[in-house]
Amino acid sequence: MKRNFIKLVKEMKDDKPVFDTFLTPTFIPFKKMYEAVDLMDELQNNDKLSEKQAFDMMFDMVVDIYNKQFTKEQLMNGLHAPDAVQELQSQIAFIAEGHMDEQRKNELAKMV
């Protein structure tokens, strides 16, 4: 079964990040894929959503994908700002489409 992971900065020590790494559950119900596809459509086709609303929806979806192994607050504080949007989108795309880049696949293989 396909899995994914997310690394969140837990703290900074000597100006270097210390990460917590979380794996997706072994089984992800199809319903979550259905919800992820719906969210992607809504984000792409709803001009009335503010950026903050879109972020909140993505944060909630990612926390749900990982079965609440971390909180929305931990997610918000643990992502590096310049990479955050791309990370959120890739997490949701993994559920919606099952895609993962090669670098991520290789890193995941070392974990499981």
PDB file of N, CA and C in Angstrom:
ATOM      1  N   MET A   1       0.840  -1.188   0.000  1.00  0.00           N
ATOM      2  CA  MET A   1       0.000   0.000   0.000  1.00  0.00           C
ATOM      3  C   MET A   1       0.880   1.245   0.000  1.00  0.00           C
ATOM      4  N   LYS A   2       0.457   2.229  -0.755  1.00  0.00           N
ATOM      5  CA  LYS A   2       1.203   3.483  -0.833  1.00  0.00           C
ATOM      6  C   LYS A   2       1.063   4.264   0.463  1.00  0.00           C
ATOM      7  N   ARG A   3       2.167   4.886   0.850  1.00  0.00           N
ATOM      8  CA  ARG A   3       2.163   5.748   2.029  1.00  0.00           C
ATOM      9  C   ARG A   3       2.908   7.036   1.699  1.00  0.00           C
ATOM     10  N   ASN A   4       2.772   7.986   2.564  1.00  0.00           N
ATOM     11  CA  ASN A   4       3.452   9.260   2.419  1.00  0.00           C
ATOM     12  C   ASN A   4       3.932   9.686   3.800  1.00  0.00           C
ATOM     13  N   PHE A   5       4.646  10.785   3.859  1.00  0.00           N
ATOM     14  CA  PHE A   5       5.130  11.299   5.134  1.00  0.00           C
ATOM     15  C   PHE A   5       5.176  12.816   5.079  1.00  0.00           C
ATOM     16  N   ILE A   6       5.273  13.383   6.261  1.00  0.00           N
ATOM     17  CA  ILE A   6       5.466  14.828   6.378  1.00  0.00           C
ATOM     18  C   ILE A   6       6.437  15.067   7.515  1.00  0.00           C
ATOM     19  N   LYS A   7       7.347  16.011   7.313  1.00  0.00           N
ATOM     20  CA  LYS A   7       8.306  16.402   8.337  1.00  0.00           C
ATOM     21  C   LYS A   7       7.928  17.791   8.829  1.00  0.00           C
ATOM     22  N   LEU A   8       7.774  17.899  10.142  1.00  0.00           N
ATOM     23  CA  LEU A   8       7.446  19.179  10.751  1.00  0.00           C
ATOM     24  C   LEU A   8       8.558  19.568  11.715  1.00  0.00           C
ATOM     25  N   VAL A   9       8.941  20.829  11.684  1.00  0.00           N
ATOM     26  CA  VAL A   9       9.959  21.313  12.602  1.00  0.00           C
ATOM     27  C   VAL A   9       9.358  21.342  14.004  1.00  0.00           C
ATOM     28  N   LYS A  10      10.026  20.623  14.904  1.00  0.00           N
ATOM     29  CA  LYS A  10       9.579  20.568  16.295  1.00  0.00           C
ATOM     30  C   LYS A  10      10.199  21.706  17.103  1.00  0.00           C
ATOM     31  N   GLU A  11      11.498  21.953  16.820  1.00  0.00           N
ATOM     32  CA  GLU A  11      12.217  23.015  17.517  1.00  0.00           C
ATOM     33  C   GLU A  11      13.483  23.339  16.730  1.00  0.00           C
ATOM     34  N   MET A  12      14.119  24.419  17.123  1.00  0.00           N
ATOM     35  CA  MET A  12      15.401  24.806  16.534  1.00  0.00           C
ATOM     36  C   MET A  12      16.472  24.635  17.605  1.00  0.00           C
ATOM     37  N   LYS A  13      17.556  23.939  17.252  1.00  0.00           N
ATOM     38  CA  LYS A  13      18.694  23.776  18.155  1.00  0.00           C
ATOM     39  C   LYS A  13      19.939  24.240  17.423  1.00  0.00           C
ATOM     40  N   ASP A  14      20.634  25.176  18.015  1.00  0.00           N
ATOM     41  CA  ASP A  14      21.845  25.722  17.395  1.00  0.00           C
ATOM     42  C   ASP A  14      21.585  26.157  15.955  1.00  0.00           C
ATOM     43  N   ASP A  15      20.445  26.801  15.754  1.00  0.00           N
ATOM     44  CA  ASP A  15      20.036  27.316  14.447  1.00  0.00           C
ATOM     45  C   ASP A  15      19.805  26.216  13.409  1.00  0.00           C
ATOM     46  N   LYS A  16      19.543  24.988  13.879  1.00  0.00           N
ATOM     47  CA  LYS A  16      19.231  23.872  12.972  1.00  0.00           C
ATOM     48  C   LYS A  16      17.893  23.275  13.384  1.00  0.00           C
ATOM     49  N   PRO A  17      17.064  22.918  12.406  1.00  0.00           N
ATOM     50  CA  PRO A  17      15.751  22.362  12.745  1.00  0.00           C
ATOM     51  C   PRO A  17      15.840  20.923  13.266  1.00  0.00           C
ATOM     52  N   VAL A  18      15.002  20.626  14.244  1.00  0.00           N
ATOM     53  CA  VAL A  18      14.795  19.263  14.740  1.00  0.00           C
ATOM     54  C   VAL A  18      13.384  18.888  14.279  1.00  0.00           C
ATOM     55  N   PHE A  19      13.288  17.792  13.532  1.00  0.00           N
ATOM     56  CA  PHE A  19      12.023  17.413  12.907  1.00  0.00           C
ATOM     57  C   PHE A  19      11.304  16.288  13.644  1.00  0.00           C
ATOM     58  N   ASP A  20       9.996  16.320  13.560  1.00  0.00           N
ATOM     59  CA  ASP A  20       9.139  15.170  13.840  1.00  0.00           C
ATOM     60  C   ASP A  20       8.657  14.698  12.480  1.00  0.00           C
ATOM     61  N   THR A  21       8.728  13.398  12.236  1.00  0.00           N
ATOM     62  CA  THR A  21       8.285  12.838  10.966  1.00  0.00           C
ATOM     63  C   THR A  21       7.056  11.977  11.217  1.00  0.00           C
ATOM     64  N   PHE A  22       6.045  12.185  10.401  1.00  0.00           N
ATOM     65  CA  PHE A  22       4.785  11.454  10.533  1.00  0.00           C
ATOM     66  C   PHE A  22       4.505  10.703   9.237  1.00  0.00           C
ATOM     67  N   LEU A  23       4.063   9.462   9.363  1.00  0.00           N
ATOM     68  CA  LEU A  23       3.674   8.650   8.209  1.00  0.00           C
ATOM     69  C   LEU A  23       2.166   8.627   8.085  1.00  0.00           C
ATOM     70  N   THR A  24       1.686   8.591   6.847  1.00  0.00           N
ATOM     71  CA  THR A  24       0.246   8.424   6.654  1.00  0.00           C
ATOM     72  C   THR A  24      -0.146   7.053   7.200  1.00  0.00           C
ATOM     73  N   PRO A  25      -1.411   6.889   7.537  1.00  0.00           N
ATOM     74  CA  PRO A  25      -1.862   5.571   7.967  1.00  0.00           C
ATOM     75  C   PRO A  25      -1.631   4.539   6.859  1.00  0.00           C
ATOM     76  N   THR A  26      -1.527   3.286   7.247  1.00  0.00           N
ATOM     77  CA  THR A  26      -1.331   2.214   6.275  1.00  0.00           C
ATOM     78  C   THR A  26      -2.507   2.153   5.308  1.00  0.00           C
ATOM     79  N   PHE A  27      -3.712   2.332   5.831  1.00  0.00           N
ATOM     80  CA  PHE A  27      -4.924   2.314   5.006  1.00  0.00           C
ATOM     81  C   PHE A  27      -5.563   3.690   5.046  1.00  0.00           C
ATOM     82  N   ILE A  28      -5.837   4.226   3.873  1.00  0.00           N
ATOM     83  CA  ILE A  28      -6.532   5.504   3.749  1.00  0.00           C
ATOM     84  C   ILE A  28      -7.824   5.237   2.986  1.00  0.00           C
ATOM     85  N   PRO A  29      -8.968   5.434   3.629  1.00  0.00           N
ATOM     86  CA  PRO A  29     -10.243   5.149   2.963  1.00  0.00           C
ATOM     87  C   PRO A  29     -10.442   5.984   1.697  1.00  0.00           C
ATOM     88  N   PHE A  30     -11.113   5.400   0.732  1.00  0.00           N
ATOM     89  CA  PHE A  30     -11.420   6.089  -0.527  1.00  0.00           C
ATOM     90  C   PHE A  30     -12.142   7.405  -0.265  1.00  0.00           C
ATOM     91  N   LYS A  31     -12.907   7.468   0.806  1.00  0.00           N
ATOM     92  CA  LYS A  31     -13.643   8.685   1.144  1.00  0.00           C
ATOM     93  C   LYS A  31     -12.696   9.889   1.263  1.00  0.00           C
ATOM     94  N   LYS A  32     -11.495   9.659   1.792  1.00  0.00           N
ATOM     95  CA  LYS A  32     -10.545  10.769   1.920  1.00  0.00           C
ATOM     96  C   LYS A  32     -10.079  11.231   0.541  1.00  0.00           C
ATOM     97  N   MET A  33      -9.949  10.305  -0.393  1.00  0.00           N
ATOM     98  CA  MET A  33      -9.590  10.683  -1.762  1.00  0.00           C
ATOM     99  C   MET A  33     -10.705  11.537  -2.355  1.00  0.00           C
ATOM    100  N   TYR A  34     -11.912  11.108  -2.161  1.00  0.00           N
ATOM    101  CA  TYR A  34     -13.090  11.829  -2.647  1.00  0.00           C
ATOM    102  C   TYR A  34     -13.098  13.257  -2.088  1.00  0.00           C
ATOM    103  N   GLU A  35     -12.822  13.393  -0.790  1.00  0.00           N
ATOM    104  CA  GLU A  35     -12.786  14.706  -0.151  1.00  0.00           C
ATOM    105  C   GLU A  35     -11.614  15.545  -0.671  1.00  0.00           C
ATOM    106  N   ALA A  36     -10.472  14.899  -0.919  1.00  0.00           N
ATOM    107  CA  ALA A  36      -9.299  15.621  -1.426  1.00  0.00           C
ATOM    108  C   ALA A  36      -9.548  16.153  -2.837  1.00  0.00           C
ATOM    109  N   VAL A  37     -10.170  15.341  -3.683  1.00  0.00           N
ATOM    110  CA  VAL A  37     -10.505  15.779  -5.045  1.00  0.00           C
ATOM    111  C   VAL A  37     -11.476  16.951  -4.985  1.00  0.00           C
ATOM    112  N   ASP A  38     -12.462  16.852  -4.114  1.00  0.00           N
ATOM    113  CA  ASP A  38     -13.435  17.924  -3.945  1.00  0.00           C
ATOM    114  C   ASP A  38     -12.745  19.208  -3.476  1.00  0.00           C
ATOM    115  N   LEU A  39     -11.821  19.078  -2.532  1.00  0.00           N
ATOM    116  CA  LEU A  39     -11.095  20.244  -2.039  1.00  0.00           C
ATOM    117  C   LEU A  39     -10.252  20.870  -3.150  1.00  0.00           C
ATOM    118  N   MET A  40      -9.551  20.055  -3.923  1.00  0.00           N
ATOM    119  CA  MET A  40      -8.740  20.586  -5.021  1.00  0.00           C
ATOM    120  C   MET A  40      -9.609  21.350  -6.014  1.00  0.00           C
ATOM    121  N   ASP A  41     -10.761  20.793  -6.349  1.00  0.00           N
ATOM    122  CA  ASP A  41     -11.688  21.483  -7.257  1.00  0.00           C
ATOM    123  C   ASP A  41     -12.144  22.816  -6.670  1.00  0.00           C
ATOM    124  N   GLU A  42     -12.492  22.792  -5.390  1.00  0.00           N
ATOM    125  CA  GLU A  42     -12.976  24.020  -4.755  1.00  0.00           C
ATOM    126  C   GLU A  42     -11.882  25.089  -4.709  1.00  0.00           C
ATOM    127  N   LEU A  43     -10.656  24.686  -4.424  1.00  0.00           N
ATOM    128  CA  LEU A  43      -9.561  25.646  -4.362  1.00  0.00           C
ATOM    129  C   LEU A  43      -9.260  26.253  -5.731  1.00  0.00           C
ATOM    130  N   GLN A  44      -9.398  25.453  -6.777  1.00  0.00           N
ATOM    131  CA  GLN A  44      -9.086  25.932  -8.125  1.00  0.00           C
ATOM    132  C   GLN A  44     -10.214  26.739  -8.749  1.00  0.00           C
ATOM    133  N   ASN A  45     -11.437  26.479  -8.334  1.00  0.00           N
ATOM    134  CA  ASN A  45     -12.576  27.068  -9.039  1.00  0.00           C
ATOM    135  C   ASN A  45     -13.415  28.040  -8.215  1.00  0.00           C
ATOM    136  N   ASN A  46     -12.961  28.391  -7.034  1.00  0.00           N
ATOM    137  CA  ASN A  46     -13.760  29.275  -6.198  1.00  0.00           C
ATOM    138  C   ASN A  46     -13.020  30.594  -5.988  1.00  0.00           C
ATOM    139  N   ASP A  47     -13.397  31.592  -6.744  1.00  0.00           N
ATOM    140  CA  ASP A  47     -12.746  32.903  -6.661  1.00  0.00           C
ATOM    141  C   ASP A  47     -13.119  33.658  -5.388  1.00  0.00           C
ATOM    142  N   LYS A  48     -14.139  33.189  -4.690  1.00  0.00           N
ATOM    143  CA  LYS A  48     -14.602  33.897  -3.499  1.00  0.00           C
ATOM    144  C   LYS A  48     -13.835  33.513  -2.242  1.00  0.00           C
ATOM    145  N   LEU A  49     -13.024  32.456  -2.320  1.00  0.00           N
ATOM    146  CA  LEU A  49     -12.232  32.047  -1.161  1.00  0.00           C
ATOM    147  C   LEU A  49     -11.051  32.997  -0.971  1.00  0.00           C
ATOM    148  N   SER A  50     -10.846  33.419   0.264  1.00  0.00           N
ATOM    149  CA  SER A  50      -9.644  34.184   0.558  1.00  0.00           C
ATOM    150  C   SER A  50      -8.480  33.195   0.677  1.00  0.00           C
ATOM    151  N   GLU A  51      -7.263  33.703   0.600  1.00  0.00           N
ATOM    152  CA  GLU A  51      -6.092  32.832   0.746  1.00  0.00           C
ATOM    153  C   GLU A  51      -6.098  32.171   2.115  1.00  0.00           C
ATOM    154  N   LYS A  52      -6.502  32.920   3.129  1.00  0.00           N
ATOM    155  CA  LYS A  52      -6.551  32.366   4.487  1.00  0.00           C
ATOM    156  C   LYS A  52      -7.560  31.224   4.562  1.00  0.00           C
ATOM    157  N   GLN A  53      -8.716  31.378   3.946  1.00  0.00           N
ATOM    158  CA  GLN A  53      -9.707  30.301   3.926  1.00  0.00           C
ATOM    159  C   GLN A  53      -9.150  29.075   3.212  1.00  0.00           C
ATOM    160  N   ALA A  54      -8.460  29.287   2.114  1.00  0.00           N
ATOM    161  CA  ALA A  54      -7.867  28.178   1.370  1.00  0.00           C
ATOM    162  C   ALA A  54      -6.817  27.471   2.222  1.00  0.00           C
ATOM    163  N   PHE A  55      -5.970  28.226   2.906  1.00  0.00           N
ATOM    164  CA  PHE A  55      -4.967  27.623   3.790  1.00  0.00           C
ATOM    165  C   PHE A  55      -5.637  26.809   4.889  1.00  0.00           C
ATOM    166  N   ASP A  56      -6.671  27.383   5.513  1.00  0.00           N
ATOM    167  CA  ASP A  56      -7.366  26.672   6.584  1.00  0.00           C
ATOM    168  C   ASP A  56      -7.940  25.342   6.085  1.00  0.00           C
ATOM    169  N   MET A  57      -8.497  25.355   4.891  1.00  0.00           N
ATOM    170  CA  MET A  57      -9.057  24.121   4.322  1.00  0.00           C
ATOM    171  C   MET A  57      -7.954  23.091   4.059  1.00  0.00           C
ATOM    172  N   MET A  58      -6.809  23.554   3.559  1.00  0.00           N
ATOM    173  CA  MET A  58      -5.700  22.622   3.299  1.00  0.00           C
ATOM    174  C   MET A  58      -5.123  22.095   4.612  1.00  0.00           C
ATOM    175  N   PHE A  59      -4.954  22.971   5.607  1.00  0.00           N
ATOM    176  CA  PHE A  59      -4.460  22.517   6.911  1.00  0.00           C
ATOM    177  C   PHE A  59      -5.378  21.441   7.486  1.00  0.00           C
ATOM    178  N   ASP A  60      -6.676  21.709   7.468  1.00  0.00           N
ATOM    179  CA  ASP A  60      -7.636  20.744   8.009  1.00  0.00           C
ATOM    180  C   ASP A  60      -7.560  19.412   7.278  1.00  0.00           C
ATOM    181  N   MET A  61      -7.442  19.452   5.955  1.00  0.00           N
ATOM    182  CA  MET A  61      -7.373  18.224   5.156  1.00  0.00           C
ATOM    183  C   MET A  61      -6.113  17.429   5.504  1.00  0.00           C
ATOM    184  N   VAL A  62      -4.976  18.089   5.612  1.00  0.00           N
ATOM    185  CA  VAL A  62      -3.723  17.381   5.900  1.00  0.00           C
ATOM    186  C   VAL A  62      -3.766  16.771   7.300  1.00  0.00           C
ATOM    187  N   VAL A  63      -4.270  17.495   8.276  1.00  0.00           N
ATOM    188  CA  VAL A  63      -4.404  16.943   9.628  1.00  0.00           C
ATOM    189  C   VAL A  63      -5.312  15.714   9.585  1.00  0.00           C
ATOM    190  N   ASP A  64      -6.372  15.774   8.819  1.00  0.00           N
ATOM    191  CA  ASP A  64      -7.302  14.641   8.692  1.00  0.00           C
ATOM    192  C   ASP A  64      -6.648  13.455   7.984  1.00  0.00           C
ATOM    193  N   ILE A  65      -5.883  13.721   6.929  1.00  0.00           N
ATOM    194  CA  ILE A  65      -5.198  12.653   6.202  1.00  0.00           C
ATOM    195  C   ILE A  65      -4.311  11.848   7.153  1.00  0.00           C
ATOM    196  N   TYR A  66      -3.645  12.534   8.058  1.00  0.00           N
ATOM    197  CA  TYR A  66      -2.727  11.881   8.999  1.00  0.00           C
ATOM    198  C   TYR A  66      -3.427  11.430  10.286  1.00  0.00           C
ATOM    199  N   ASN A  67      -4.757  11.355  10.249  1.00  0.00           N
ATOM    200  CA  ASN A  67      -5.546  10.898  11.401  1.00  0.00           C
ATOM    201  C   ASN A  67      -5.190  11.633  12.690  1.00  0.00           C
ATOM    202  N   LYS A  68      -4.978  12.923  12.563  1.00  0.00           N
ATOM    203  CA  LYS A  68      -4.754  13.816  13.707  1.00  0.00           C
ATOM    204  C   LYS A  68      -3.554  13.396  14.561  1.00  0.00           C
ATOM    205  N   GLN A  69      -2.494  12.931  13.903  1.00  0.00           N
ATOM    206  CA  GLN A  69      -1.250  12.640  14.620  1.00  0.00           C
ATOM    207  C   GLN A  69      -0.595  13.927  15.109  1.00  0.00           C
ATOM    208  N   PHE A  70      -0.988  15.044  14.510  1.00  0.00           N
ATOM    209  CA  PHE A  70      -0.515  16.367  14.901  1.00  0.00           C
ATOM    210  C   PHE A  70      -1.694  17.314  14.754  1.00  0.00           C
ATOM    211  N   THR A  71      -1.579  18.457  15.386  1.00  0.00           N
ATOM    212  CA  THR A  71      -2.667  19.439  15.339  1.00  0.00           C
ATOM    213  C   THR A  71      -2.456  20.408  14.182  1.00  0.00           C
ATOM    214  N   LYS A  72      -3.485  21.148  13.898  1.00  0.00           N
ATOM    215  CA  LYS A  72      -3.397  22.200  12.881  1.00  0.00           C
ATOM    216  C   LYS A  72      -2.329  23.215  13.283  1.00  0.00           C
ATOM    217  N   GLU A  73      -2.278  23.536  14.557  1.00  0.00           N
ATOM    218  CA  GLU A  73      -1.282  24.484  15.068  1.00  0.00           C
ATOM    219  C   GLU A  73       0.134  23.949  14.866  1.00  0.00           C
ATOM    220  N   GLN A  74       0.358  22.666  15.156  1.00  0.00           N
ATOM    221  CA  GLN A  74       1.668  22.064  14.934  1.00  0.00           C
ATOM    222  C   GLN A  74       2.033  22.099  13.449  1.00  0.00           C
ATOM    223  N   LEU A  75       1.060  21.845  12.605  1.00  0.00           N
ATOM    224  CA  LEU A  75       1.293  21.881  11.164  1.00  0.00           C
ATOM    225  C   LEU A  75       1.677  23.298  10.720  1.00  0.00           C
ATOM    226  N   MET A  76       0.918  24.274  11.185  1.00  0.00           N
ATOM    227  CA  MET A  76       1.186  25.658  10.810  1.00  0.00           C
ATOM    228  C   MET A  76       2.564  26.116  11.289  1.00  0.00           C
ATOM    229  N   ASN A  77       2.945  25.718  12.484  1.00  0.00           N
ATOM    230  CA  ASN A  77       4.219  26.144  13.061  1.00  0.00           C
ATOM    231  C   ASN A  77       5.395  25.285  12.621  1.00  0.00           C
ATOM    232  N   GLY A  78       5.110  24.094  12.080  1.00  0.00           N
ATOM    233  CA  GLY A  78       6.172  23.171  11.728  1.00  0.00           C
ATOM    234  C   GLY A  78       6.590  23.190  10.270  1.00  0.00           C
ATOM    235  N   LEU A  79       5.852  23.903   9.439  1.00  0.00           N
ATOM    236  CA  LEU A  79       6.216  24.009   8.022  1.00  0.00           C
ATOM    237  C   LEU A  79       7.066  25.255   7.799  1.00  0.00           C
ATOM    238  N   HIS A  80       8.087  25.119   6.977  1.00  0.00           N
ATOM    239  CA  HIS A  80       8.930  26.252   6.603  1.00  0.00           C
ATOM    240  C   HIS A  80       8.141  27.102   5.602  1.00  0.00           C
ATOM    241  N   ALA A  81       7.933  28.349   5.910  1.00  0.00           N
ATOM    242  CA  ALA A  81       7.035  29.210   5.132  1.00  0.00           C
ATOM    243  C   ALA A  81       7.263  29.172   3.619  1.00  0.00           C
ATOM    244  N   PRO A  82       8.507  29.285   3.120  1.00  0.00           N
ATOM    245  CA  PRO A  82       8.682  29.294   1.661  1.00  0.00           C
ATOM    246  C   PRO A  82       8.253  27.990   0.974  1.00  0.00           C
ATOM    247  N   ASP A  83       8.220  26.882   1.728  1.00  0.00           N
ATOM    248  CA  ASP A  83       7.866  25.585   1.151  1.00  0.00           C
ATOM    249  C   ASP A  83       6.464  25.121   1.522  1.00  0.00           C
ATOM    250  N   ALA A  84       5.782  25.852   2.384  1.00  0.00           N
ATOM    251  CA  ALA A  84       4.534  25.382   2.983  1.00  0.00           C
ATOM    252  C   ALA A  84       3.427  25.113   1.969  1.00  0.00           C
ATOM    253  N   VAL A  85       3.174  26.031   1.074  1.00  0.00           N
ATOM    254  CA  VAL A  85       2.069  25.862   0.127  1.00  0.00           C
ATOM    255  C   VAL A  85       2.312  24.645  -0.758  1.00  0.00           C
ATOM    256  N   GLN A  86       3.521  24.499  -1.260  1.00  0.00           N
ATOM    257  CA  GLN A  86       3.842  23.355  -2.115  1.00  0.00           C
ATOM    258  C   GLN A  86       3.711  22.052  -1.333  1.00  0.00           C
ATOM    259  N   GLU A  87       4.126  22.047  -0.074  1.00  0.00           N
ATOM    260  CA  GLU A  87       4.012  20.841   0.756  1.00  0.00           C
ATOM    261  C   GLU A  87       2.545  20.475   0.987  1.00  0.00           C
ATOM    262  N   LEU A  88       1.733  21.443   1.332  1.00  0.00           N
ATOM    263  CA  LEU A  88       0.306  21.186   1.540  1.00  0.00           C
ATOM    264  C   LEU A  88      -0.335  20.641   0.268  1.00  0.00           C
ATOM    265  N   GLN A  89      -0.035  21.286  -0.855  1.00  0.00           N
ATOM    266  CA  GLN A  89      -0.607  20.842  -2.130  1.00  0.00           C
ATOM    267  C   GLN A  89      -0.153  19.432  -2.484  1.00  0.00           C
ATOM    268  N   SER A  90       1.112  19.116  -2.223  1.00  0.00           N
ATOM    269  CA  SER A  90       1.601  17.774  -2.568  1.00  0.00           C
ATOM    270  C   SER A  90       0.987  16.717  -1.663  1.00  0.00           C
ATOM    271  N   GLN A  91       0.724  17.054  -0.416  1.00  0.00           N
ATOM    272  CA  GLN A  91       0.070  16.103   0.496  1.00  0.00           C
ATOM    273  C   GLN A  91      -1.350  15.796   0.011  1.00  0.00           C
ATOM    274  N   ILE A  92      -2.062  16.812  -0.389  1.00  0.00           N
ATOM    275  CA  ILE A  92      -3.438  16.636  -0.863  1.00  0.00           C
ATOM    276  C   ILE A  92      -3.440  15.919  -2.214  1.00  0.00           C
ATOM    277  N   ALA A  93      -2.507  16.264  -3.077  1.00  0.00           N
ATOM    278  CA  ALA A  93      -2.407  15.597  -4.383  1.00  0.00           C
ATOM    279  C   ALA A  93      -2.071  14.114  -4.223  1.00  0.00           C
ATOM    280  N   PHE A  94      -1.276  13.769  -3.221  1.00  0.00           N
ATOM    281  CA  PHE A  94      -0.962  12.365  -2.975  1.00  0.00           C
ATOM    282  C   PHE A  94      -2.245  11.574  -2.723  1.00  0.00           C
ATOM    283  N   ILE A  95      -3.129  12.129  -1.930  1.00  0.00           N
ATOM    284  CA  ILE A  95      -4.388  11.444  -1.631  1.00  0.00           C
ATOM    285  C   ILE A  95      -5.298  11.446  -2.853  1.00  0.00           C
ATOM    286  N   ALA A  96      -5.404  12.585  -3.518  1.00  0.00           N
ATOM    287  CA  ALA A  96      -6.324  12.718  -4.647  1.00  0.00           C
ATOM    288  C   ALA A  96      -5.876  11.933  -5.876  1.00  0.00           C
ATOM    289  N   GLU A  97      -4.556  11.885  -6.103  1.00  0.00           N
ATOM    290  CA  GLU A  97      -4.058  11.307  -7.352  1.00  0.00           C
ATOM    291  C   GLU A  97      -3.076  10.153  -7.163  1.00  0.00           C
ATOM    292  N   GLY A  98      -2.586   9.966  -5.936  1.00  0.00           N
ATOM    293  CA  GLY A  98      -1.634   8.892  -5.669  1.00  0.00           C
ATOM    294  C   GLY A  98      -0.229   9.160  -6.163  1.00  0.00           C
ATOM    295  N   HIS A  99       0.086  10.412  -6.503  1.00  0.00           N
ATOM    296  CA  HIS A  99       1.401  10.751  -7.056  1.00  0.00           C
ATOM    297  C   HIS A  99       2.371  11.211  -5.977  1.00  0.00           C
ATOM    298  N   MET A 100       3.653  10.837  -6.192  1.00  0.00           N
ATOM    299  CA  MET A 100       4.725  11.252  -5.304  1.00  0.00           C
ATOM    300  C   MET A 100       6.000  11.341  -6.137  1.00  0.00           C
ATOM    301  N   ASP A 101       6.808  12.376  -5.919  1.00  0.00           N
ATOM    302  CA  ASP A 101       8.038  12.499  -6.706  1.00  0.00           C
ATOM    303  C   ASP A 101       9.078  11.468  -6.264  1.00  0.00           C
ATOM    304  N   GLU A 102      10.074  11.234  -7.108  1.00  0.00           N
ATOM    305  CA  GLU A 102      11.076  10.181  -6.868  1.00  0.00           C
ATOM    306  C   GLU A 102      11.888  10.426  -5.599  1.00  0.00           C
ATOM    307  N   GLN A 103      12.263  11.668  -5.361  1.00  0.00           N
ATOM    308  CA  GLN A 103      13.044  11.978  -4.166  1.00  0.00           C
ATOM    309  C   GLN A 103      12.269  11.590  -2.908  1.00  0.00           C
ATOM    310  N   ARG A 104      10.988  11.934  -2.886  1.00  0.00           N
ATOM    311  CA  ARG A 104      10.145  11.610  -1.739  1.00  0.00           C
ATOM    312  C   ARG A 104       9.984  10.097  -1.603  1.00  0.00           C
ATOM    313  N   LYS A 105       9.808   9.390  -2.723  1.00  0.00           N
ATOM    314  CA  LYS A 105       9.703   7.929  -2.697  1.00  0.00           C
ATOM    315  C   LYS A 105      10.949   7.307  -2.089  1.00  0.00           C
ATOM    316  N   ASN A 106      12.112   7.803  -2.492  1.00  0.00           N
ATOM    317  CA  ASN A 106      13.372   7.278  -1.979  1.00  0.00           C
ATOM    318  C   ASN A 106      13.520   7.529  -0.480  1.00  0.00           C
ATOM    319  N   GLU A 107      13.139   8.724  -0.047  1.00  0.00           N
ATOM    320  CA  GLU A 107      13.230   9.052   1.382  1.00  0.00           C
ATOM    321  C   GLU A 107      12.259   8.191   2.188  1.00  0.00           C
ATOM    322  N   LEU A 108      11.065   7.982   1.665  1.00  0.00           N
ATOM    323  CA  LEU A 108      10.070   7.149   2.337  1.00  0.00           C
ATOM    324  C   LEU A 108      10.547   5.703   2.437  1.00  0.00           C
ATOM    325  N   ALA A 109      11.185   5.195   1.406  1.00  0.00           N
ATOM    326  CA  ALA A 109      11.678   3.814   1.399  1.00  0.00           C
ATOM    327  C   ALA A 109      12.661   3.579   2.551  1.00  0.00           C
ATOM    328  N   LYS A 110      13.414   4.596   2.919  1.00  0.00           N
ATOM    329  CA  LYS A 110      14.361   4.471   4.023  1.00  0.00           C
ATOM    330  C   LYS A 110      13.651   4.418   5.382  1.00  0.00           C
ATOM    331  N   MET A 111      12.422   4.929   5.428  1.00  0.00           N
ATOM    332  CA  MET A 111      11.678   5.007   6.699  1.00  0.00           C
ATOM    333  C   MET A 111      10.869   3.747   6.995  1.00  0.00           C
ATOM    334  N   VAL A 112      10.344   3.131   5.948  1.00  0.00           N
ATOM    335  CA  VAL A 112       9.454   1.978   6.169  1.00  0.00           C
ATOM    336  C   VAL A 112      10.095   0.674   5.794  1.00  0.00           C
TER     337      VAL A 112
END
